[in-house]
Protein backbone atom coordinates (compact mmCIF):
# COMPACT_ATOMS: atom_id res chain seq x y z
CA MET A 1 32.15 13.75 1.44
CA PHE A 2 33.46 10.17 1.69
CA ARG A 3 31.77 7.08 -0.74
CA PRO A 4 32.39 3.84 0.74
CA TYR A 5 32.61 1.13 -1.93
CA ILE A 6 33.33 -2.06 1.04
CA HIS A 7 32.78 -2.67 4.11
CA THR A 8 34.90 -4.63 7.44
CA HIS A 9 35.83 -4.94 10.24
CA ARG A 10 39.66 -6.11 11.65
CA PHE A 11 40.57 -6.80 15.33
CA SER A 12 44.37 -5.13 16.35
CA VAL A 13 46.80 -4.67 19.19
CA PHE A 14 48.32 -1.76 19.93
CA ASP A 15 51.07 -0.78 22.08
CA SER A 16 50.62 3.17 22.85
CA ASP A 17 54.07 3.39 24.60
CA ALA A 18 55.99 2.09 22.04
CA MET A 19 54.10 3.29 19.40
CA ALA A 20 53.52 -0.36 17.55
CA GLY A 21 51.36 -2.60 16.52
CA LYS A 22 51.67 -6.06 18.90
CA ALA A 23 48.61 -8.13 17.08
CA GLN A 24 46.65 -8.12 14.10
CA SER A 25 43.66 -9.59 12.38
CA THR A 26 42.17 -10.58 9.05
CA HIS A 27 39.83 -9.09 8.04
CA PHE A 28 36.62 -10.49 7.89
CA LYS A 29 32.62 -8.97 6.72
CA THR A 30 30.36 -11.05 8.87
CA TRP A 31 30.39 -12.11 12.63
CA ASP A 32 29.94 -15.37 11.60
CA GLU A 33 33.20 -15.65 9.19
CA VAL A 34 35.88 -17.35 11.03
CA VAL A 35 39.05 -15.03 11.91
CA LEU A 36 42.83 -15.17 12.33
CA ASP A 37 45.34 -13.40 13.81
CA ASP A 38 48.84 -12.92 13.00
CA LEU A 39 50.13 -14.83 16.80
CA GLY A 40 47.81 -17.76 15.11
CA GLY A 41 44.51 -17.43 17.15
CA GLU A 42 41.39 -18.29 14.87
CA TYR A 43 37.97 -17.67 16.43
CA ALA A 44 34.80 -16.33 15.53
CA GLY A 45 34.25 -13.04 14.36
CA LYS A 46 31.79 -12.84 16.99
CA THR A 47 33.27 -14.32 20.33
CA TYR A 48 36.95 -13.24 18.52
CA LYS A 49 37.06 -10.31 21.73
CA ARG A 50 36.64 -12.79 24.27
CA LYS A 51 38.79 -16.00 23.20
CA PHE A 52 41.70 -13.44 22.49
CA THR A 53 41.63 -11.71 25.62
CA GLU A 54 41.18 -15.01 27.32
CA ASP A 55 44.31 -16.33 25.31
CA HIS A 56 46.06 -13.98 25.71
CA ALA A 57 45.42 -11.78 29.04
CA ARG A 58 49.61 -11.68 29.65
CA LEU A 59 49.72 -9.40 26.37
CA LEU A 60 46.94 -7.28 27.13
CA SER A 61 48.11 -6.46 31.11
CA GLY A 62 50.15 -3.70 30.17
CA GLU A 63 47.99 -0.32 30.58
CA LYS A 64 48.20 0.77 27.25
CA MET A 65 47.39 -2.17 25.68
CA ARG A 66 44.01 -2.74 24.02
CA LEU A 67 42.31 -5.27 22.38
CA GLN A 68 40.07 -2.85 19.57
CA CYS A 69 37.82 -3.87 16.82
CA SER A 70 38.07 -1.31 13.88
CA HIS A 71 35.59 -0.97 10.85
CA VAL A 72 37.51 -0.43 7.71
CA LEU A 73 35.45 1.27 5.37
CA TRP A 74 37.23 0.87 1.34
CA GLY A 75 36.29 4.38 -0.17
CA THR A 76 36.91 7.73 -2.21
CA VAL A 77 37.49 10.87 -0.12
CA THR A 78 36.44 14.41 -1.89
CA PHE A 79 37.14 17.77 -0.13
CA PRO A 80 35.30 20.73 -2.32
CA ASN A 81 36.86 23.69 0.09
CA GLY A 82 39.91 21.60 1.74
CA LYS A 83 42.15 23.12 3.62
CA ASP A 84 45.58 21.82 5.49
CA MET A 85 46.34 22.16 8.61
CA PHE A 86 47.09 26.52 9.13
CA LYS A 87 43.36 26.63 7.71
CA ASN A 88 45.10 27.40 4.16
CA LYS A 89 43.18 26.67 1.24
CA THR A 90 43.75 23.38 -0.49
CA GLU A 91 43.98 21.94 -4.25
CA LEU A 92 40.33 20.00 -5.22
CA VAL A 93 40.73 16.90 -3.85
CA THR A 94 38.87 14.96 -5.63
CA ASP A 95 37.50 10.92 -5.00
CA ILE A 96 40.54 9.75 -4.03
CA PRO A 97 40.66 5.95 -3.08
CA CYS A 98 41.46 5.41 0.76
CA MET A 99 41.37 3.21 3.64
CA PHE A 100 39.22 5.18 6.97
CA TYR A 101 39.40 3.10 9.88
CA VAL A 102 36.85 3.87 12.63
CA LYS A 103 36.55 2.63 16.17
CA GLY A 104 36.63 4.03 20.08
CA ALA A 105 34.10 6.41 20.25
CA SER A 106 32.48 6.66 16.82
CA PHE A 107 32.47 3.11 16.06
CA MET A 108 28.42 3.00 16.72
CA THR A 109 28.03 5.65 14.61
CA MET A 110 29.56 3.76 11.50
CA VAL A 111 27.34 0.58 12.42
CA ASN A 112 24.53 3.44 12.29
CA MET A 113 24.79 4.75 9.30
CA LEU A 114 25.37 1.09 8.04
CA LYS A 115 22.32 0.15 9.65
CA GLU A 116 20.71 2.84 7.82
CA PHE A 117 22.19 1.60 4.09
CA SER A 118 20.76 -1.26 4.90
CA GLU A 119 16.85 -0.55 5.92
CA GLN A 120 16.97 1.91 2.69
CA GLY A 121 17.65 -0.80 0.37
CA LEU A 122 20.76 0.92 -0.64
CA LEU A 123 23.86 -0.67 -1.88
CA LEU A 124 26.90 1.02 -0.57
CA PHE A 125 28.58 2.46 -3.26
CA SER A 126 25.13 4.30 -3.97
CA ARG A 127 25.79 7.34 -1.81
CA ASP A 128 28.17 9.88 -0.90
CA VAL A 129 28.49 10.21 3.05
CA LYS A 130 28.93 13.77 3.91
CA LEU A 131 31.37 13.54 7.39
CA SER A 132 32.07 15.36 10.33
CA VAL A 133 33.63 15.62 13.46
CA GLU A 134 32.30 17.10 16.58
CA ARG A 135 34.59 18.10 19.47
CA ILE A 136 33.50 17.06 23.38
CA VAL A 137 35.50 17.86 26.08
CA ASN A 138 35.54 15.68 29.11
CA GLY A 139 38.01 16.71 32.03
CA GLU A 140 40.97 16.35 30.78
CA VAL A 141 40.24 14.70 27.69
CA THR A 142 39.31 15.82 24.40
CA TYR A 143 37.95 13.63 21.34
CA TYR A 144 36.32 14.16 18.41
CA PRO A 145 33.56 11.55 17.21
CA VAL A 146 32.94 11.62 14.04
CA LYS A 147 28.94 12.18 13.11
CA TYR A 148 27.13 11.11 9.43
CA ALA A 149 24.67 12.07 6.41
CA VAL A 150 23.92 10.09 4.09
CA GLN A 151 23.05 11.53 1.38
CA LYS A 152 20.20 11.13 -0.71
CA ALA A 153 21.00 11.73 -4.46
CA GLU A 154 21.65 8.21 -6.34
CA LEU A 155 25.74 7.66 -8.20
CA PRO A 156 26.73 5.95 -11.36
CA PHE A 157 28.28 3.09 -10.85
CA ALA A 158 30.23 1.83 -14.36
CA GLU A 159 33.43 0.42 -15.07
CA ASP A 160 35.66 2.69 -13.91
CA GLU A 161 33.79 2.20 -10.49
CA PHE A 162 33.81 -1.27 -11.08
CA GLY A 163 37.78 -1.58 -11.58
CA LEU A 164 38.05 0.27 -8.54
CA LEU A 165 35.57 -1.92 -6.32
CA LYS A 166 37.58 -5.15 -7.68
CA GLN A 167 41.12 -3.12 -6.40
CA PHE A 168 39.29 -2.84 -2.62
CA GLN A 169 38.69 -6.64 -2.90
CA ALA A 170 42.57 -7.25 -3.85
CA THR A 171 44.08 -5.51 -1.99
CA ILE A 172 41.47 -6.49 1.24
CA ASP A 173 42.93 -10.52 0.01
CA ALA A 174 46.35 -9.53 -0.75
CA GLU A 175 45.91 -8.18 3.34
CA ASN A 176 44.58 -11.30 4.26
CA GLN A 177 46.91 -13.40 2.71
CA ASP A 178 50.12 -11.66 4.64
CA ILE A 179 47.63 -12.67 8.07
CA TYR A 180 47.47 -15.93 6.57
CA ALA A 181 51.26 -16.71 6.33
CA LYS A 182 52.15 -15.12 9.38
CA PHE A 183 49.14 -17.41 11.58
CA GLU A 184 50.77 -20.46 9.53
CA LYS A 185 54.37 -19.66 10.37
CA LYS A 186 53.06 -18.51 14.82
CA GLN A 187 50.91 -22.11 14.35
CA ASN A 188 53.86 -24.13 13.22
CA ALA A 189 56.19 -22.65 16.06
CA LEU A 190 53.49 -23.46 18.86
CA LYS A 191 53.41 -27.06 17.34
CA ALA A 192 56.98 -27.34 17.17
CA ASP A 193 57.11 -26.24 21.36
CA ALA A 194 54.78 -28.26 22.22
CA VAL A 195 56.60 -31.04 20.50
CA ALA A 196 59.62 -30.31 21.52
CA LYS A 197 57.93 -29.60 25.57
CA ASP A 198 56.11 -33.35 25.36
CA VAL A 199 59.86 -35.13 24.64
CA SER A 200 61.53 -33.08 27.37
CA SER A 201 59.23 -33.52 30.42
CA ALA A 202 59.38 -37.75 29.63
CA PRO A 203 61.14 -39.81 32.22
CA LEU A 204 64.13 -41.09 30.41
CA ASP A 205 63.71 -44.62 32.19
CA ALA A 206 59.62 -43.88 31.76
CA ASP A 207 59.60 -46.71 29.06
CA LEU A 208 62.25 -49.18 31.15
CA ASP A 209 60.46 -50.01 34.65
CA ASP A 210 58.91 -53.98 33.91
CA VAL A 211 61.62 -54.81 31.01
CA SER A 212 63.65 -57.02 32.23
CA ASP A 213 66.78 -58.59 30.61
CA ASP A 214 65.45 -61.45 28.58
CA LYS A 215 62.67 -58.79 26.98
CA ILE A 216 65.90 -56.28 25.93
CA PRO A 217 66.77 -56.93 22.32
CA PHE A 218 70.57 -56.67 22.34
């Protein structure tokens, strides 16, 4: 069971061969927000994918390099009948804070879930969501898209829940501050490179073509 508190989006580029991230954006909550990234990019959320792809075609040319947008759901998870990887029963896991990244085959599933909350006028943290996965085999590829069911019972929201909500937001702010710092550093480096390129490409005698001896001040 998952109780969502806050929803954000985030873009990233991941190199699956090197198992390393190559780019990451700030968290954002609406598509109209300005989104920054650690490569010095600054785009509107709704145009981010197109603009980033145009500006970083070389980075994305690798077969295993993909730009993806993720839902990031900040909430708590409970496993009433949890089992480990060997299918052994585990101790009860209750209301553990977590970040739930959802992308790929499950991206639109989360869009539908968020629409369901919105259409019913529900606050995100007011309901539990029962999550499960479905095993789908498509040729040689097996994947596990998420399935969901919004629960009917309204959940309490008191001091503890409010405190957790603030902690989630503080974490989002801190992660964004880290991207802001990397954005500024990259922007400064790009500006320095542009100035150096401009200076180095200027002809040494560019200002002397029309200067006669009597105009030289020494």
